[in-house]
Amino acid sequence: MTNQNNQLLKLLGVGFGIAVTVGGTIGTGILRKLRTYSSTNR
């Protein structure tokens, strides 16, 4: 692989890692809110 391809793979790896982190944080917040909502409305 050339140097340009290596840089692209590194950039995509960082972007994907950030996307997974942000998505996990948002998902956890949504699930936490739903759990709180469902336990108070029984």
N, C-alpha and C. Protein backbone atom coordinates (compact mmCIF):
# COMPACT_ATOMS: atom_id res chain seq x y z
N MET A 1 0.84 -1.18 0.00
CA MET A 1 0.00 0.00 0.00
C MET A 1 0.89 1.25 0.00
N THR A 2 0.37 2.26 -0.61
CA THR A 2 1.14 3.50 -0.64
C THR A 2 0.89 4.30 0.64
N ASN A 3 1.67 5.33 0.79
CA ASN A 3 1.56 6.19 1.97
C ASN A 3 0.19 6.87 2.02
N GLN A 4 -0.34 7.27 0.86
CA GLN A 4 -1.66 7.94 0.83
C GLN A 4 -2.75 6.98 1.29
N ASN A 5 -2.69 5.72 0.87
CA ASN A 5 -3.68 4.74 1.29
C ASN A 5 -3.61 4.51 2.79
N ASN A 6 -2.41 4.47 3.34
CA ASN A 6 -2.25 4.29 4.79
C ASN A 6 -2.88 5.44 5.55
N GLN A 7 -2.68 6.67 5.07
CA GLN A 7 -3.26 7.83 5.74
C GLN A 7 -4.77 7.79 5.68
N LEU A 8 -5.33 7.35 4.57
CA LEU A 8 -6.77 7.25 4.42
C LEU A 8 -7.33 6.23 5.40
N LEU A 9 -6.68 5.09 5.51
CA LEU A 9 -7.14 4.06 6.44
C LEU A 9 -7.07 4.53 7.88
N LYS A 10 -6.02 5.26 8.22
CA LYS A 10 -5.91 5.80 9.59
C LYS A 10 -7.02 6.80 9.85
N LEU A 11 -7.31 7.66 8.89
CA LEU A 11 -8.35 8.67 9.05
C LEU A 11 -9.72 8.00 9.20
N LEU A 12 -9.99 7.00 8.37
CA LEU A 12 -11.27 6.30 8.47
C LEU A 12 -11.38 5.56 9.80
N GLY A 13 -10.29 5.02 10.27
CA GLY A 13 -10.29 4.31 11.55
C GLY A 13 -10.64 5.24 12.69
N VAL A 14 -10.07 6.43 12.69
CA VAL A 14 -10.35 7.42 13.73
C VAL A 14 -11.81 7.87 13.62
N GLY A 15 -12.25 8.16 12.43
CA GLY A 15 -13.65 8.59 12.23
C GLY A 15 -14.63 7.53 12.68
N PHE A 16 -14.34 6.28 12.35
CA PHE A 16 -15.23 5.19 12.75
C PHE A 16 -15.24 5.04 14.27
N GLY A 17 -14.09 5.17 14.89
CA GLY A 17 -14.01 5.07 16.35
C GLY A 17 -14.81 6.17 17.03
N ILE A 18 -14.72 7.37 16.49
CA ILE A 18 -15.49 8.49 17.04
C ILE A 18 -16.98 8.25 16.86
N ALA A 19 -17.37 7.76 15.69
CA ALA A 19 -18.79 7.50 15.42
C ALA A 19 -19.35 6.44 16.36
N VAL A 20 -18.59 5.40 16.62
CA VAL A 20 -19.04 4.34 17.53
C VAL A 20 -19.18 4.89 18.95
N THR A 21 -18.23 5.71 19.37
CA THR A 21 -18.28 6.29 20.71
C THR A 21 -19.48 7.20 20.88
N VAL A 22 -19.70 8.08 19.91
CA VAL A 22 -20.84 9.00 19.99
C VAL A 22 -22.16 8.24 19.93
N GLY A 23 -22.25 7.27 19.04
CA GLY A 23 -23.47 6.48 18.92
C GLY A 23 -23.77 5.69 20.19
N GLY A 24 -22.74 5.13 20.79
CA GLY A 24 -22.92 4.39 22.04
C GLY A 24 -23.38 5.28 23.16
N THR A 25 -22.83 6.47 23.23
CA THR A 25 -23.22 7.42 24.27
C THR A 25 -24.67 7.84 24.11
N ILE A 26 -25.06 8.16 22.89
CA ILE A 26 -26.45 8.56 22.63
C ILE A 26 -27.40 7.40 22.91
N GLY A 27 -27.03 6.21 22.46
CA GLY A 27 -27.87 5.03 22.69
C GLY A 27 -28.05 4.72 24.16
N THR A 28 -26.99 4.84 24.92
CA THR A 28 -27.07 4.59 26.35
C THR A 28 -27.99 5.61 27.02
N GLY A 29 -27.89 6.85 26.62
CA GLY A 29 -28.76 7.89 27.17
C GLY A 29 -30.23 7.63 26.87
N ILE A 30 -30.52 7.21 25.64
CA ILE A 30 -31.90 6.91 25.26
C ILE A 30 -32.44 5.74 26.07
N LEU A 31 -31.65 4.68 26.19
CA LEU A 31 -32.11 3.51 26.95
C LEU A 31 -32.31 3.84 28.42
N ARG A 32 -31.44 4.67 28.96
CA ARG A 32 -31.57 5.07 30.36
C ARG A 32 -32.85 5.87 30.58
N LYS A 33 -33.17 6.77 29.64
CA LYS A 33 -34.39 7.55 29.75
C LYS A 33 -35.63 6.67 29.63
N LEU A 34 -35.60 5.71 28.70
CA LEU A 34 -36.74 4.81 28.54
C LEU A 34 -36.95 3.96 29.78
N ARG A 35 -35.86 3.51 30.37
CA ARG A 35 -35.96 2.68 31.57
C ARG A 35 -36.58 3.49 32.70
N THR A 36 -36.16 4.74 32.85
CA THR A 36 -36.71 5.61 33.89
C THR A 36 -38.19 5.88 33.62
N TYR A 37 -38.53 6.14 32.37
CA TYR A 37 -39.93 6.43 31.99
C TYR A 37 -40.81 5.23 32.25
N SER A 38 -40.35 4.05 31.88
CA SER A 38 -41.19 2.86 32.03
C SER A 38 -41.37 2.47 33.50
N SER A 39 -40.37 2.73 34.34
CA SER A 39 -40.50 2.36 35.75
C SER A 39 -41.39 3.34 36.51
N THR A 40 -41.54 4.57 36.03
CA THR A 40 -42.38 5.55 36.73
C THR A 40 -43.83 5.50 36.24
N ASN A 41 -44.09 4.85 35.12
CA ASN A 41 -45.45 4.83 34.56
C ASN A 41 -46.07 3.46 34.62
N ARG A 42 -45.89 2.77 35.71
CA ARG A 42 -46.52 1.45 35.84
C ARG A 42 -47.83 1.54 36.54
